[in-house]
Amino acid sequence: MTASDRAVQLVRLAAEAASDKLADDILAYDVSEQLVITDAFVLCSAPNDRQVRAIVDEIEKRLREDADAKPVRREGEREGRWVLLDYIDVIVHIQHEEDRVYYSLERLWKDCPLIELPESINAHAAQRPRAVGSPRD
């Protein structure tokens, strides 16, 4: 079993929205073989709480407008350090970069296949310095 077409559509929209708000290290995993609650995870991070919130707002806006999707659950918004948006088919994790390094979700899901994203999704990252200890180091 692999992620549904709907899940892949939501993954791409969420990744594009995150990229538009300069999210870092945007990745997507097909977790359909491991979990029954969702097909895919999108992971991304930002250097500060304000940018985390901006990314969350853009993802919600884009998925609502382009896919008529609204999150059924939203967690962590008050703190702005790790926000989880649950769209049933896809769960989006937007983390402060320090929390992303600490919790290292990539390590937990490394055995799951990556969902390929367009190169343009992370293109902005090459133009600025990366924080020490970031997930891709």
Protein backbone atom coordinates (compact mmCIF):
# COMPACT_ATOMS: atom_id res chain seq x y z
CA MET A 1 0.00 0.00 0.00
CA THR A 2 1.25 3.49 -0.80
CA ALA A 3 0.01 6.97 -0.07
CA SER A 4 -3.22 7.81 -1.87
CA ASP A 5 -3.34 10.27 -4.76
CA ARG A 6 -5.21 12.67 -2.47
CA ALA A 7 -2.45 12.42 0.15
CA VAL A 8 0.24 13.11 -2.46
CA GLN A 9 -1.75 16.12 -3.70
CA LEU A 10 -2.00 17.51 -0.15
CA VAL A 11 1.70 16.83 0.47
CA ARG A 12 2.71 18.81 -2.60
CA LEU A 13 0.41 21.70 -1.77
CA ALA A 14 1.62 21.83 1.83
CA ALA A 15 5.26 21.66 0.73
CA GLU A 16 4.78 24.44 -1.83
CA ALA A 17 3.04 26.64 0.75
CA ALA A 18 5.80 26.00 3.31
CA SER A 19 8.42 26.81 0.70
CA ASP A 20 6.67 30.07 -0.18
CA LYS A 21 7.13 31.11 3.47
CA LEU A 22 10.81 29.99 3.39
CA ALA A 23 10.47 26.89 5.53
CA ASP A 24 13.67 24.87 5.89
CA ASP A 25 14.36 21.22 5.12
CA ILE A 26 10.96 20.33 3.72
CA LEU A 27 10.54 16.56 3.55
CA ALA A 28 7.63 14.22 3.01
CA TYR A 29 7.40 10.57 4.03
CA ASP A 30 4.97 7.90 2.89
CA VAL A 31 4.04 6.34 6.25
CA SER A 32 1.05 4.35 4.93
CA GLU A 33 2.80 1.01 5.52
CA GLN A 34 3.60 1.92 9.15
CA LEU A 35 0.51 3.80 10.33
CA VAL A 36 -3.21 3.33 9.88
CA ILE A 37 -4.06 6.88 10.94
CA THR A 38 -2.49 8.69 7.97
CA ASP A 39 -0.74 8.16 4.64
CA ALA A 40 1.98 10.79 4.79
CA PHE A 41 3.96 13.17 6.96
CA VAL A 42 5.29 16.53 5.85
CA LEU A 43 8.14 17.90 7.95
CA CYS A 44 9.54 21.41 7.82
CA SER A 45 11.13 23.92 10.15
CA ALA A 46 11.76 27.61 10.71
CA PRO A 47 14.27 29.59 12.76
CA ASN A 48 11.71 31.39 14.94
CA ASP A 49 8.17 31.14 16.33
CA ARG A 50 6.84 33.93 14.15
CA GLN A 51 7.92 32.19 10.97
CA VAL A 52 6.49 28.87 12.22
CA ARG A 53 3.11 30.61 12.55
CA ALA A 54 3.42 32.21 9.09
CA ILE A 55 4.11 28.80 7.55
CA VAL A 56 1.11 27.29 9.37
CA ASP A 57 -1.16 30.07 8.11
CA GLU A 58 0.04 29.67 4.51
CA ILE A 59 -0.36 25.89 4.53
CA GLU A 60 -3.90 26.15 5.90
CA LYS A 61 -4.80 28.84 3.37
CA ARG A 62 -3.38 26.95 0.39
CA LEU A 63 -4.95 23.61 1.29
CA ARG A 64 -8.31 25.26 1.96
CA GLU A 65 -8.29 27.21 -1.32
CA ASP A 66 -6.69 24.65 -3.66
CA ALA A 67 -7.93 21.35 -2.23
CA ASP A 68 -10.95 22.27 -0.09
CA ALA A 69 -9.14 20.70 2.88
CA LYS A 70 -9.33 21.85 6.48
CA PRO A 71 -7.38 20.35 9.35
CA VAL A 72 -9.43 18.11 11.62
CA ARG A 73 -6.96 18.74 14.41
CA ARG A 74 -4.39 21.40 15.17
CA GLU A 75 -1.94 21.21 18.04
CA GLY A 76 0.84 23.39 19.43
CA GLU A 77 -0.16 26.68 17.90
CA ARG A 78 -0.11 28.64 21.15
CA GLU A 79 3.58 27.95 21.77
CA GLY A 80 4.57 28.27 18.10
CA ARG A 81 7.42 25.78 18.52
CA TRP A 82 5.90 22.68 16.97
CA VAL A 83 2.57 22.91 15.22
CA LEU A 84 0.84 19.78 13.98
CA LEU A 85 -1.86 20.03 11.31
CA ASP A 86 -3.86 16.84 10.84
CA TYR A 87 -5.62 16.54 7.48
CA ILE A 88 -6.36 12.81 8.02
CA ASP A 89 -4.56 11.75 4.81
CA VAL A 90 -1.57 13.91 5.70
CA ILE A 91 -0.10 15.21 8.94
CA VAL A 92 2.05 18.31 8.64
CA HIS A 93 4.69 19.05 11.28
CA ILE A 94 6.02 22.62 11.37
CA GLN A 95 8.79 22.85 13.94
CA HIS A 96 11.10 25.46 15.34
CA GLU A 97 14.52 24.37 14.06
CA GLU A 98 15.81 23.70 17.61
CA ASP A 99 12.89 21.34 18.29
CA ARG A 100 13.38 19.65 14.94
CA VAL A 101 16.98 18.85 15.75
CA TYR A 102 16.08 17.69 19.25
CA TYR A 103 13.16 15.43 18.30
CA SER A 104 14.69 14.28 14.99
CA LEU A 105 11.55 12.89 13.37
CA GLU A 106 13.63 12.04 10.30
CA ARG A 107 15.45 9.44 12.36
CA LEU A 108 12.17 7.86 13.46
CA TRP A 109 10.75 7.63 9.93
CA LYS A 110 13.97 7.00 7.97
CA ASP A 111 12.78 3.53 6.92
CA CYS A 112 9.71 4.97 5.22
CA PRO A 113 9.96 6.01 1.58
CA LEU A 114 10.35 9.70 0.83
CA ILE A 115 7.67 11.30 -1.31
CA GLU A 116 9.49 13.10 -4.06
CA LEU A 117 9.04 16.86 -4.03
CA PRO A 118 10.00 19.29 -6.81
CA GLU A 119 13.54 20.64 -6.49
CA SER A 120 12.14 24.16 -6.26
CA ILE A 121 10.62 23.32 -2.85
CA ASN A 122 13.96 23.62 -1.03
CA ALA A 123 15.75 25.85 -3.56
CA HIS A 124 15.74 28.92 -1.28
CA ALA A 125 17.79 27.02 1.32
CA ALA A 126 20.90 27.07 -0.86
CA GLN A 127 20.90 30.86 -0.70
CA ARG A 128 21.32 31.19 3.06
CA PRO A 129 23.50 29.68 5.76
CA ARG A 130 22.25 26.61 7.61
CA ALA A 131 22.12 26.39 11.39
CA VAL A 132 24.60 24.05 13.02
CA GLY A 133 23.00 20.72 13.82
CA SER A 134 20.16 21.13 11.32
CA PRO A 135 18.47 17.89 10.19
CA ARG A 136 20.36 17.63 6.91
CA ASP A 137 23.87 18.06 8.40
